Amino acid sequence: MNEKPAHWPGDVEPLVLEEFEKLGRDPENRLFWDGKHLVTRNQYIFTWPQKILAFLAALASIATVATGVNNASVFMCARGIAWLGCPALPVAANATSPPGQQGR
């Protein structure tokens, strides 16, 4: 039951159930083993392709939000709600001429 996986380093041994009594945590959820603080790190190191991909993903998310706000504005303008602002409507060339006087 306590066989070590083949891919583990030679000096690493699996835990037995009795050893879990040595594992603890404090109110800030820091881990302790047999009363000694275990150092944990949250560190992200990206390669340059990953950095470029993360930047493009951030740009895409900003563009998605902007598109959503624009679509919401158009949707609400069509229903007479203008609190996001309505796009300017194009004025037809003959819309300002009185009826019967188009083309003069």
PDB file of N, CA and C in Angstrom:
ATOM      1  N   MET A   1       0.818  -1.193   0.000  1.00  0.00           N
ATOM      2  CA  MET A   1       0.000   0.000   0.000  1.00  0.00           C
ATOM      3  C   MET A   1       0.860   1.255   0.000  1.00  0.00           C
ATOM      4  N   ASN A   2       2.027   1.209   0.681  1.00  0.00           N
ATOM      5  CA  ASN A   2       2.900   2.375   0.777  1.00  0.00           C
ATOM      6  C   ASN A   2       4.052   2.302  -0.203  1.00  0.00           C
ATOM      7  N   GLU A   3       3.818   1.740  -1.370  1.00  0.00           N
ATOM      8  CA  GLU A   3       4.883   1.654  -2.353  1.00  0.00           C
ATOM      9  C   GLU A   3       5.116   3.020  -2.969  1.00  0.00           C
ATOM     10  N   LYS A   4       6.379   3.318  -3.192  1.00  0.00           N
ATOM     11  CA  LYS A   4       6.760   4.599  -3.755  1.00  0.00           C
ATOM     12  C   LYS A   4       6.588   4.554  -5.267  1.00  0.00           C
ATOM     13  N   PRO A   5       5.934   5.595  -5.869  1.00  0.00           N
ATOM     14  CA  PRO A   5       5.822   5.642  -7.332  1.00  0.00           C
ATOM     15  C   PRO A   5       7.203   5.708  -7.980  1.00  0.00           C
ATOM     16  N   ALA A   6       7.328   5.146  -9.127  1.00  0.00           N
ATOM     17  CA  ALA A   6       8.626   5.049  -9.801  1.00  0.00           C
ATOM     18  C   ALA A   6       9.203   6.406 -10.181  1.00  0.00           C
ATOM     19  N   HIS A   7       8.353   7.404 -10.424  1.00  0.00           N
ATOM     20  CA  HIS A   7       8.861   8.715 -10.868  1.00  0.00           C
ATOM     21  C   HIS A   7       9.298   9.606  -9.709  1.00  0.00           C
ATOM     22  N   TRP A   8       9.153   9.175  -8.464  1.00  0.00           N
ATOM     23  CA  TRP A   8       9.572   9.977  -7.314  1.00  0.00           C
ATOM     24  C   TRP A   8      11.090   9.925  -7.166  1.00  0.00           C
ATOM     25  N   PRO A   9      11.697  10.997  -6.630  1.00  0.00           N
ATOM     26  CA  PRO A   9      13.143  10.965  -6.347  1.00  0.00           C
ATOM     27  C   PRO A   9      13.471   9.872  -5.332  1.00  0.00           C
ATOM     28  N   GLY A  10      14.702   9.423  -5.323  1.00  0.00           N
ATOM     29  CA  GLY A  10      15.108   8.302  -4.481  1.00  0.00           C
ATOM     30  C   GLY A  10      14.965   8.538  -2.996  1.00  0.00           C
ATOM     31  N   ASP A  11      15.145   9.775  -2.529  1.00  0.00           N
ATOM     32  CA  ASP A  11      15.101  10.038  -1.091  1.00  0.00           C
ATOM     33  C   ASP A  11      13.713  10.436  -0.580  1.00  0.00           C
ATOM     34  N   VAL A  12      12.693  10.414  -1.436  1.00  0.00           N
ATOM     35  CA  VAL A  12      11.336  10.777  -1.028  1.00  0.00           C
ATOM     36  C   VAL A  12      10.561   9.503  -0.720  1.00  0.00           C
ATOM     37  N   GLU A  13       9.955   9.478   0.452  1.00  0.00           N
ATOM     38  CA  GLU A  13       9.184   8.319   0.885  1.00  0.00           C
ATOM     39  C   GLU A  13       7.716   8.704   1.033  1.00  0.00           C
ATOM     40  N   PRO A  14       6.785   7.801   0.756  1.00  0.00           N
ATOM     41  CA  PRO A  14       5.360   8.111   0.941  1.00  0.00           C
ATOM     42  C   PRO A  14       5.015   8.222   2.426  1.00  0.00           C
ATOM     43  N   LEU A  15       3.974   8.969   2.716  1.00  0.00           N
ATOM     44  CA  LEU A  15       3.514   9.128   4.092  1.00  0.00           C
ATOM     45  C   LEU A  15       2.648   7.946   4.495  1.00  0.00           C
ATOM     46  N   VAL A  16       2.731   7.613   5.756  1.00  0.00           N
ATOM     47  CA  VAL A  16       1.806   6.627   6.303  1.00  0.00           C
ATOM     48  C   VAL A  16       0.747   7.394   7.071  1.00  0.00           C
ATOM     49  N   LEU A  17      -0.383   6.773   7.298  1.00  0.00           N
ATOM     50  CA  LEU A  17      -1.519   7.439   7.908  1.00  0.00           C
ATOM     51  C   LEU A  17      -1.174   8.040   9.272  1.00  0.00           C
ATOM     52  N   GLU A  18      -0.333   7.391  10.034  1.00  0.00           N
ATOM     53  CA  GLU A  18       0.025   7.890  11.355  1.00  0.00           C
ATOM     54  C   GLU A  18       0.785   9.220  11.282  1.00  0.00           C
ATOM     55  N   GLU A  19       1.500   9.476  10.179  1.00  0.00           N
ATOM     56  CA  GLU A  19       2.285  10.705  10.055  1.00  0.00           C
ATOM     57  C   GLU A  19       1.427  11.931   9.785  1.00  0.00           C
ATOM     58  N   PHE A  20       0.190  11.742   9.373  1.00  0.00           N
ATOM     59  CA  PHE A  20      -0.677  12.887   9.103  1.00  0.00           C
ATOM     60  C   PHE A  20      -1.027  13.658  10.370  1.00  0.00           C
ATOM     61  N   GLU A  21      -0.826  13.034  11.549  1.00  0.00           N
ATOM     62  CA  GLU A  21      -1.043  13.751  12.800  1.00  0.00           C
ATOM     63  C   GLU A  21      -0.034  14.879  12.969  1.00  0.00           C
ATOM     64  N   LYS A  22       1.078  14.827  12.264  1.00  0.00           N
ATOM     65  CA  LYS A  22       2.097  15.870  12.351  1.00  0.00           C
ATOM     66  C   LYS A  22       1.745  17.088  11.503  1.00  0.00           C
ATOM     67  N   LEU A  23       0.789  16.954  10.603  1.00  0.00           N
ATOM     68  CA  LEU A  23       0.403  18.039   9.710  1.00  0.00           C
ATOM     69  C   LEU A  23      -0.625  18.931  10.399  1.00  0.00           C
ATOM     70  N   GLY A  24      -0.398  20.243  10.323  1.00  0.00           N
ATOM     71  CA  GLY A  24      -1.328  21.178  10.951  1.00  0.00           C
ATOM     72  C   GLY A  24      -1.380  22.497  10.197  1.00  0.00           C
ATOM     73  N   ARG A  25      -2.294  23.350  10.645  1.00  0.00           N
ATOM     74  CA  ARG A  25      -2.420  24.683  10.052  1.00  0.00           C
ATOM     75  C   ARG A  25      -2.805  25.664  11.140  1.00  0.00           C
ATOM     76  N   ASP A  26      -2.496  26.933  10.892  1.00  0.00           N
ATOM     77  CA  ASP A  26      -2.864  27.976  11.840  1.00  0.00           C
ATOM     78  C   ASP A  26      -4.095  28.712  11.325  1.00  0.00           C
ATOM     79  N   PRO A  27      -4.603  29.714  12.075  1.00  0.00           N
ATOM     80  CA  PRO A  27      -5.812  30.421  11.630  1.00  0.00           C
ATOM     81  C   PRO A  27      -5.664  31.130  10.278  1.00  0.00           C
ATOM     82  N   GLU A  28      -4.438  31.413   9.858  1.00  0.00           N
ATOM     83  CA  GLU A  28      -4.215  32.045   8.554  1.00  0.00           C
ATOM     84  C   GLU A  28      -3.966  31.021   7.462  1.00  0.00           C
ATOM     85  N   ASN A  29      -4.246  29.746   7.746  1.00  0.00           N
ATOM     86  CA  ASN A  29      -4.104  28.621   6.807  1.00  0.00           C
ATOM     87  C   ASN A  29      -2.669  28.390   6.345  1.00  0.00           C
ATOM     88  N   ARG A  30      -1.702  28.719   7.172  1.00  0.00           N
ATOM     89  CA  ARG A  30      -0.313  28.366   6.866  1.00  0.00           C
ATOM     90  C   ARG A  30      -0.081  26.938   7.346  1.00  0.00           C
ATOM     91  N   LEU A  31       0.686  26.173   6.585  1.00  0.00           N
ATOM     92  CA  LEU A  31       0.921  24.767   6.907  1.00  0.00           C
ATOM     93  C   LEU A  31       2.094  24.595   7.857  1.00  0.00           C
ATOM     94  N   PHE A  32       1.953  23.612   8.761  1.00  0.00           N
ATOM     95  CA  PHE A  32       3.015  23.257   9.697  1.00  0.00           C
ATOM     96  C   PHE A  32       3.184  21.749   9.690  1.00  0.00           C
ATOM     97  N   TRP A  33       4.447  21.301   9.802  1.00  0.00           N
ATOM     98  CA  TRP A  33       4.748  19.877   9.906  1.00  0.00           C
ATOM     99  C   TRP A  33       5.538  19.677  11.181  1.00  0.00           C
ATOM    100  N   ASP A  34       4.936  18.944  12.088  1.00  0.00           N
ATOM    101  CA  ASP A  34       5.562  18.653  13.378  1.00  0.00           C
ATOM    102  C   ASP A  34       5.966  19.954  14.091  1.00  0.00           C
ATOM    103  N   GLY A  35       5.093  20.976  13.974  1.00  0.00           N
ATOM    104  CA  GLY A  35       5.328  22.253  14.647  1.00  0.00           C
ATOM    105  C   GLY A  35       6.197  23.227  13.885  1.00  0.00           C
ATOM    106  N   LYS A  36       6.751  22.821  12.753  1.00  0.00           N
ATOM    107  CA  LYS A  36       7.621  23.699  11.966  1.00  0.00           C
ATOM    108  C   LYS A  36       6.852  24.227  10.764  1.00  0.00           C
ATOM    109  N   HIS A  37       7.015  25.514  10.527  1.00  0.00           N
ATOM    110  CA  HIS A  37       6.313  26.161   9.416  1.00  0.00           C
ATOM    111  C   HIS A  37       6.843  25.641   8.081  1.00  0.00           C
ATOM    112  N   LEU A  38       5.923  25.245   7.203  1.00  0.00           N
ATOM    113  CA  LEU A  38       6.301  24.835   5.848  1.00  0.00           C
ATOM    114  C   LEU A  38       6.268  26.059   4.956  1.00  0.00           C
ATOM    115  N   VAL A  39       7.328  26.326   4.267  1.00  0.00           N
ATOM    116  CA  VAL A  39       7.398  27.482   3.384  1.00  0.00           C
ATOM    117  C   VAL A  39       6.710  27.128   2.072  1.00  0.00           C
ATOM    118  N   THR A  40       5.709  27.914   1.712  1.00  0.00           N
ATOM    119  CA  THR A  40       5.017  27.727   0.439  1.00  0.00           C
ATOM    120  C   THR A  40       5.146  29.019  -0.351  1.00  0.00           C
ATOM    121  N   ARG A  41       5.255  28.885  -1.653  1.00  0.00           N
ATOM    122  CA  ARG A  41       5.388  30.055  -2.515  1.00  0.00           C
ATOM    123  C   ARG A  41       4.365  29.974  -3.632  1.00  0.00           C
ATOM    124  N   ASN A  42       3.766  31.113  -3.905  1.00  0.00           N
ATOM    125  CA  ASN A  42       2.902  31.247  -5.072  1.00  0.00           C
ATOM    126  C   ASN A  42       3.657  32.105  -6.072  1.00  0.00           C
ATOM    127  N   GLN A  43       4.353  31.453  -6.944  1.00  0.00           N
ATOM    128  CA  GLN A  43       5.213  32.172  -7.874  1.00  0.00           C
ATOM    129  C   GLN A  43       4.891  31.712  -9.296  1.00  0.00           C
ATOM    130  N   TYR A  44       4.658  32.690 -10.148  1.00  0.00           N
ATOM    131  CA  TYR A  44       4.369  32.390 -11.541  1.00  0.00           C
ATOM    132  C   TYR A  44       5.492  32.954 -12.400  1.00  0.00           C
ATOM    133  N   ILE A  45       6.130  32.097 -13.136  1.00  0.00           N
ATOM    134  CA  ILE A  45       7.194  32.524 -14.039  1.00  0.00           C
ATOM    135  C   ILE A  45       6.763  32.129 -15.444  1.00  0.00           C
ATOM    136  N   PHE A  46       6.546  33.133 -16.284  1.00  0.00           N
ATOM    137  CA  PHE A  46       6.086  32.884 -17.642  1.00  0.00           C
ATOM    138  C   PHE A  46       7.234  33.027 -18.633  1.00  0.00           C
ATOM    139  N   THR A  47       7.218  32.210 -19.650  1.00  0.00           N
ATOM    140  CA  THR A  47       8.155  32.368 -20.753  1.00  0.00           C
ATOM    141  C   THR A  47       7.629  33.495 -21.646  1.00  0.00           C
ATOM    142  N   TRP A  48       8.455  33.978 -22.586  1.00  0.00           N
ATOM    143  CA  TRP A  48       7.998  35.113 -23.399  1.00  0.00           C
ATOM    144  C   TRP A  48       6.794  34.759 -24.271  1.00  0.00           C
ATOM    145  N   PRO A  49       6.677  33.531 -24.816  1.00  0.00           N
ATOM    146  CA  PRO A  49       5.438  33.234 -25.553  1.00  0.00           C
ATOM    147  C   PRO A  49       4.204  33.246 -24.637  1.00  0.00           C
ATOM    148  N   GLN A  50       4.374  32.789 -23.396  1.00  0.00           N
ATOM    149  CA  GLN A  50       3.257  32.811 -22.462  1.00  0.00           C
ATOM    150  C   GLN A  50       2.870  34.242 -22.099  1.00  0.00           C
ATOM    151  N   LYS A  51       3.869  35.122 -21.973  1.00  0.00           N
ATOM    152  CA  LYS A  51       3.583  36.528 -21.679  1.00  0.00           C
ATOM    153  C   LYS A  51       2.814  37.177 -22.823  1.00  0.00           C
ATOM    154  N   ILE A  52       3.211  36.877 -24.053  1.00  0.00           N
ATOM    155  CA  ILE A  52       2.509  37.426 -25.221  1.00  0.00           C
ATOM    156  C   ILE A  52       1.082  36.897 -25.258  1.00  0.00           C
ATOM    157  N   LEU A  53       0.911  35.606 -25.016  1.00  0.00           N
ATOM    158  CA  LEU A  53      -0.417  35.016 -25.010  1.00  0.00           C
ATOM    159  C   LEU A  53      -1.290  35.613 -23.902  1.00  0.00           C
ATOM    160  N   ALA A  54      -0.720  35.841 -22.730  1.00  0.00           N
ATOM    161  CA  ALA A  54      -1.474  36.456 -21.635  1.00  0.00           C
ATOM    162  C   ALA A  54      -1.879  37.877 -21.985  1.00  0.00           C
ATOM    163  N   PHE A  55      -0.983  38.621 -22.631  1.00  0.00           N
ATOM    164  CA  PHE A  55      -1.298  39.986 -23.044  1.00  0.00           C
ATOM    165  C   PHE A  55      -2.426  39.993 -24.075  1.00  0.00           C
ATOM    166  N   LEU A  56      -2.357  39.089 -25.050  1.00  0.00           N
ATOM    167  CA  LEU A  56      -3.412  39.008 -26.059  1.00  0.00           C
ATOM    168  C   LEU A  56      -4.741  38.582 -25.439  1.00  0.00           C
ATOM    169  N   ALA A  57      -4.693  37.696 -24.462  1.00  0.00           N
ATOM    170  CA  ALA A  57      -5.925  37.288 -23.775  1.00  0.00           C
ATOM    171  C   ALA A  57      -6.526  38.458 -23.009  1.00  0.00           C
ATOM    172  N   ALA A  58      -5.686  39.288 -22.393  1.00  0.00           N
ATOM    173  CA  ALA A  58      -6.177  40.469 -21.681  1.00  0.00           C
ATOM    174  C   ALA A  58      -6.813  41.451 -22.660  1.00  0.00           C
ATOM    175  N   LEU A  59      -6.170  41.669 -23.813  1.00  0.00           N
ATOM    176  CA  LEU A  59      -6.748  42.557 -24.827  1.00  0.00           C
ATOM    177  C   LEU A  59      -8.080  42.020 -25.335  1.00  0.00           C
ATOM    178  N   ALA A  60      -8.148  40.721 -25.537  1.00  0.00           N
ATOM    179  CA  ALA A  60      -9.399  40.118 -26.015  1.00  0.00           C
ATOM    180  C   ALA A  60     -10.512  40.273 -24.988  1.00  0.00           C
ATOM    181  N   SER A  61     -10.185  40.157 -23.720  1.00  0.00           N
ATOM    182  CA  SER A  61     -11.226  40.314 -22.699  1.00  0.00           C
ATOM    183  C   SER A  61     -11.700  41.756 -22.620  1.00  0.00           C
ATOM    184  N   ILE A  62     -10.801  42.718 -22.781  1.00  0.00           N
ATOM    185  CA  ILE A  62     -11.198  44.132 -22.789  1.00  0.00           C
ATOM    186  C   ILE A  62     -12.082  44.418 -24.002  1.00  0.00           C
ATOM    187  N   ALA A  63     -11.714  43.887 -25.160  1.00  0.00           N
ATOM    188  CA  ALA A  63     -12.512  44.082 -26.372  1.00  0.00           C
ATOM    189  C   ALA A  63     -13.888  43.431 -26.232  1.00  0.00           C
ATOM    190  N   THR A  64     -13.951  42.298 -25.564  1.00  0.00           N
ATOM    191  CA  THR A  64     -15.231  41.625 -25.353  1.00  0.00           C
ATOM    192  C   THR A  64     -16.156  42.464 -24.477  1.00  0.00           C
ATOM    193  N   VAL A  65     -15.615  43.051 -23.428  1.00  0.00           N
ATOM    194  CA  VAL A  65     -16.418  43.901 -22.556  1.00  0.00           C
ATOM    195  C   VAL A  65     -16.892  45.132 -23.318  1.00  0.00           C
ATOM    196  N   ALA A  66     -16.008  45.752 -24.099  1.00  0.00           N
ATOM    197  CA  ALA A  66     -16.388  46.937 -24.880  1.00  0.00           C
ATOM    198  C   ALA A  66     -17.485  46.592 -25.886  1.00  0.00           C
ATOM    199  N   THR A  67     -17.385  45.456 -26.535  1.00  0.00           N
ATOM    200  CA  THR A  67     -18.415  45.031 -27.485  1.00  0.00           C
ATOM    201  C   THR A  67     -19.742  44.794 -26.776  1.00  0.00           C
ATOM    202  N   GLY A  68     -19.689  44.198 -25.615  1.00  0.00           N
ATOM    203  CA  GLY A  68     -20.902  43.957 -24.847  1.00  0.00           C
ATOM    204  C   GLY A  68     -21.586  45.249 -24.424  1.00  0.00           C
ATOM    205  N   VAL A  69     -20.801  46.250 -23.994  1.00  0.00           N
ATOM    206  CA  VAL A  69     -21.377  47.547 -23.622  1.00  0.00           C
ATOM    207  C   VAL A  69     -21.995  48.217 -24.842  1.00  0.00           C
ATOM    208  N   ASN A  70     -21.322  48.145 -25.977  1.00  0.00           N
ATOM    209  CA  ASN A  70     -21.863  48.722 -27.201  1.00  0.00           C
ATOM    210  C   ASN A  70     -23.167  48.042 -27.596  1.00  0.00           C
ATOM    211  N   ASN A  71     -23.200  46.722 -27.558  1.00  0.00           N
ATOM    212  CA  ASN A  71     -24.421  45.998 -27.909  1.00  0.00           C
ATOM    213  C   ASN A  71     -25.558  46.316 -26.945  1.00  0.00           C
ATOM    214  N   ALA A  72     -25.241  46.450 -25.669  1.00  0.00           N
ATOM    215  CA  ALA A  72     -26.262  46.818 -24.691  1.00  0.00           C
ATOM    216  C   ALA A  72     -26.805  48.209 -24.984  1.00  0.00           C
ATOM    217  N   SER A  73     -25.924  49.130 -25.377  1.00  0.00           N
ATOM    218  CA  SER A  73     -26.347  50.489 -25.706  1.00  0.00           C
ATOM    219  C   SER A  73     -27.296  50.493 -26.897  1.00  0.00           C
ATOM    220  N   VAL A  74     -26.948  49.775 -27.949  1.00  0.00           N
ATOM    221  CA  VAL A  74     -27.802  49.701 -29.135  1.00  0.00           C
ATOM    222  C   VAL A  74     -29.133  49.049 -28.797  1.00  0.00           C
ATOM    223  N   PHE A  75     -29.102  47.990 -28.008  1.00  0.00           N
ATOM    224  CA  PHE A  75     -30.317  47.289 -27.606  1.00  0.00           C
ATOM    225  C   PHE A  75     -31.244  48.220 -26.829  1.00  0.00           C
ATOM    226  N   MET A  76     -30.672  48.963 -25.872  1.00  0.00           N
ATOM    227  CA  MET A  76     -31.504  49.845 -25.056  1.00  0.00           C
ATOM    228  C   MET A  76     -31.976  51.068 -25.838  1.00  0.00           C
ATOM    229  N   CYS A  77     -31.164  51.574 -26.755  1.00  0.00           N
ATOM    230  CA  CYS A  77     -31.583  52.715 -27.574  1.00  0.00           C
ATOM    231  C   CYS A  77     -32.792  52.355 -28.431  1.00  0.00           C
ATOM    232  N   ALA A  78     -32.832  51.131 -28.917  1.00  0.00           N
ATOM    233  CA  ALA A  78     -33.954  50.686 -29.728  1.00  0.00           C
ATOM    234  C   ALA A  78     -35.245  50.632 -28.910  1.00  0.00           C
ATOM    235  N   ARG A  79     -35.109  50.602 -27.597  1.00  0.00           N
ATOM    236  CA  ARG A  79     -36.272  50.556 -26.710  1.00  0.00           C
ATOM    237  C   ARG A  79     -36.500  51.875 -25.976  1.00  0.00           C
ATOM    238  N   GLY A  80     -35.811  52.925 -26.408  1.00  0.00           N
ATOM    239  CA  GLY A  80     -36.021  54.251 -25.846  1.00  0.00           C
ATOM    240  C   GLY A  80     -35.281  54.520 -24.553  1.00  0.00           C
ATOM    241  N   ILE A  81     -34.325  53.677 -24.189  1.00  0.00           N
ATOM    242  CA  ILE A  81     -33.529  53.887 -22.976  1.00  0.00           C
ATOM    243  C   ILE A  81     -32.169  54.413 -23.413  1.00  0.00           C
ATOM    244  N   ALA A  82     -31.841  55.632 -22.986  1.00  0.00           N
ATOM    245  CA  ALA A  82     -30.630  56.266 -23.510  1.00  0.00           C
ATOM    246  C   ALA A  82     -29.600  56.559 -22.434  1.00  0.00           C
ATOM    247  N   TRP A  83     -29.579  55.847 -21.332  1.00  0.00           N
ATOM    248  CA  TRP A  83     -28.634  56.196 -20.280  1.00  0.00           C
ATOM    249  C   TRP A  83     -27.201  55.793 -20.597  1.00  0.00           C
ATOM    250  N   LEU A  84     -26.959  54.891 -21.535  1.00  0.00           N
ATOM    251  CA  LEU A  84     -25.594  54.598 -21.987  1.00  0.00           C
ATOM    252  C   LEU A  84     -25.207  55.462 -23.182  1.00  0.00           C
ATOM    253  N   GLY A  85     -26.147  56.230 -23.698  1.00  0.00           N
ATOM    254  CA  GLY A  85     -25.890  57.037 -24.893  1.00  0.00           C
ATOM    255  C   GLY A  85     -26.296  56.275 -26.120  1.00  0.00           C
ATOM    256  N   CYS A  86     -26.889  56.981 -27.052  1.00  0.00           N
ATOM    257  CA  CYS A  86     -27.348  56.346 -28.284  1.00  0.00           C
ATOM    258  C   CYS A  86     -26.469  56.793 -29.432  1.00  0.00           C
ATOM    259  N   PRO A  87     -26.220  55.909 -30.379  1.00  0.00           N
ATOM    260  CA  PRO A  87     -25.429  56.299 -31.543  1.00  0.00           C
ATOM    261  C   PRO A  87     -26.220  57.294 -32.392  1.00  0.00           C
ATOM    262  N   ALA A  88     -25.503  58.166 -33.072  1.00  0.00           N
ATOM    263  CA  ALA A  88     -26.153  59.138 -33.950  1.00  0.00           C
ATOM    264  C   ALA A  88     -26.776  58.408 -35.128  1.00  0.00           C
ATOM    265  N   LEU A  89     -28.000  58.749 -35.429  1.00  0.00           N
ATOM    266  CA  LEU A  89     -28.691  58.127 -36.550  1.00  0.00           C
ATOM    267  C   LEU A  89     -28.407  58.917 -37.815  1.00  0.00           C
ATOM    268  N   PRO A  90     -28.137  58.256 -38.932  1.00  0.00           N
ATOM    269  CA  PRO A  90     -27.895  58.989 -40.174  1.00  0.00           C
ATOM    270  C   PRO A  90     -29.191  59.665 -40.647  1.00  0.00           C
ATOM    271  N   VAL A  91     -29.054  60.885 -41.128  1.00  0.00           N
ATOM    272  CA  VAL A  91     -30.209  61.631 -41.630  1.00  0.00           C
ATOM    273  C   VAL A  91     -30.282  61.415 -43.126  1.00  0.00           C
ATOM    274  N   ALA A  92     -31.431  60.975 -43.588  1.00  0.00           N
ATOM    275  CA  ALA A  92     -31.619  60.755 -45.025  1.00  0.00           C
ATOM    276  C   ALA A  92     -31.609  62.098 -45.740  1.00  0.00           C
ATOM    277  N   ALA A  93     -31.172  62.121 -46.986  1.00  0.00           N
ATOM    278  CA  ALA A  93     -31.045  63.370 -47.745  1.00  0.00           C
ATOM    279  C   ALA A  93     -32.390  64.055 -47.942  1.00  0.00           C
ATOM    280  N   ASN A  94     -33.451  63.300 -48.105  1.00  0.00           N
ATOM    281  CA  ASN A  94     -34.750  63.901 -48.372  1.00  0.00           C
ATOM    282  C   ASN A  94     -35.611  64.010 -47.116  1.00  0.00           C
ATOM    283  N   ALA A  95     -35.064  63.692 -45.965  1.00  0.00           N
ATOM    284  CA  ALA A  95     -35.860  63.717 -44.740  1.00  0.00           C
ATOM    285  C   ALA A  95     -36.181  65.156 -44.303  1.00  0.00           C
ATOM    286  N   THR A  96     -35.355  66.127 -44.711  1.00  0.00           N
ATOM    287  CA  THR A  96     -35.590  67.503 -44.256  1.00  0.00           C
ATOM    288  C   THR A  96     -36.451  68.285 -45.227  1.00  0.00           C
ATOM    289  N   SER A  97     -36.672  67.776 -46.413  1.00  0.00           N
ATOM    290  CA  SER A  97     -37.505  68.489 -47.396  1.00  0.00           C
ATOM    291  C   SER A  97     -38.977  68.219 -47.147  1.00  0.00           C
ATOM    292  N   PRO A  98     -39.807  69.202 -47.273  1.00  0.00           N
ATOM    293  CA  PRO A  98     -41.235  68.951 -47.118  1.00  0.00           C
ATOM    294  C   PRO A  98     -41.732  68.009 -48.234  1.00  0.00           C
ATOM    295  N   PRO A  99     -42.800  67.299 -47.972  1.00  0.00           N
ATOM    296  CA  PRO A  99     -43.311  66.362 -48.978  1.00  0.00           C
ATOM    297  C   PRO A  99     -43.656  67.090 -50.289  1.00  0.00           C
ATOM    298  N   GLY A 100     -43.336  66.472 -51.365  1.00  0.00           N
ATOM    299  CA  GLY A 100     -43.632  67.040 -52.663  1.00  0.00           C
ATOM    300  C   GLY A 100     -42.530  67.937 -53.190  1.00  0.00           C
ATOM    301  N   GLN A 101     -41.509  68.237 -52.405  1.00  0.00           N
ATOM    302  CA  GLN A 101     -40.449  69.129 -52.868  1.00  0.00           C
ATOM    303  C   GLN A 101     -39.104  68.406 -52.950  1.00  0.00           C
ATOM    304  N   GLN A 102     -39.105  67.103 -53.034  1.00  0.00           N
ATOM    305  CA  GLN A 102     -37.831  66.373 -53.144  1.00  0.00           C
ATOM    306  C   GLN A 102     -37.256  66.546 -54.537  1.00  0.00           C
ATOM    307  N   GLY A 103     -35.962  66.619 -54.596  1.00  0.00           N
ATOM    308  CA  GLY A 103     -35.275  66.687 -55.873  1.00  0.00           C
ATOM    309  C   GLY A 103     -35.075  68.109 -56.377  1.00  0.00           C
ATOM    310  N   ARG A 104     -35.458  69.119 -55.681  1.00  0.00           N
ATOM    311  CA  ARG A 104     -35.257  70.516 -56.138  1.00  0.00           C
ATOM    312  C   ARG A 104     -33.932  71.052 -55.745  1.00  0.00           C
TER     313      ARG A 104
END
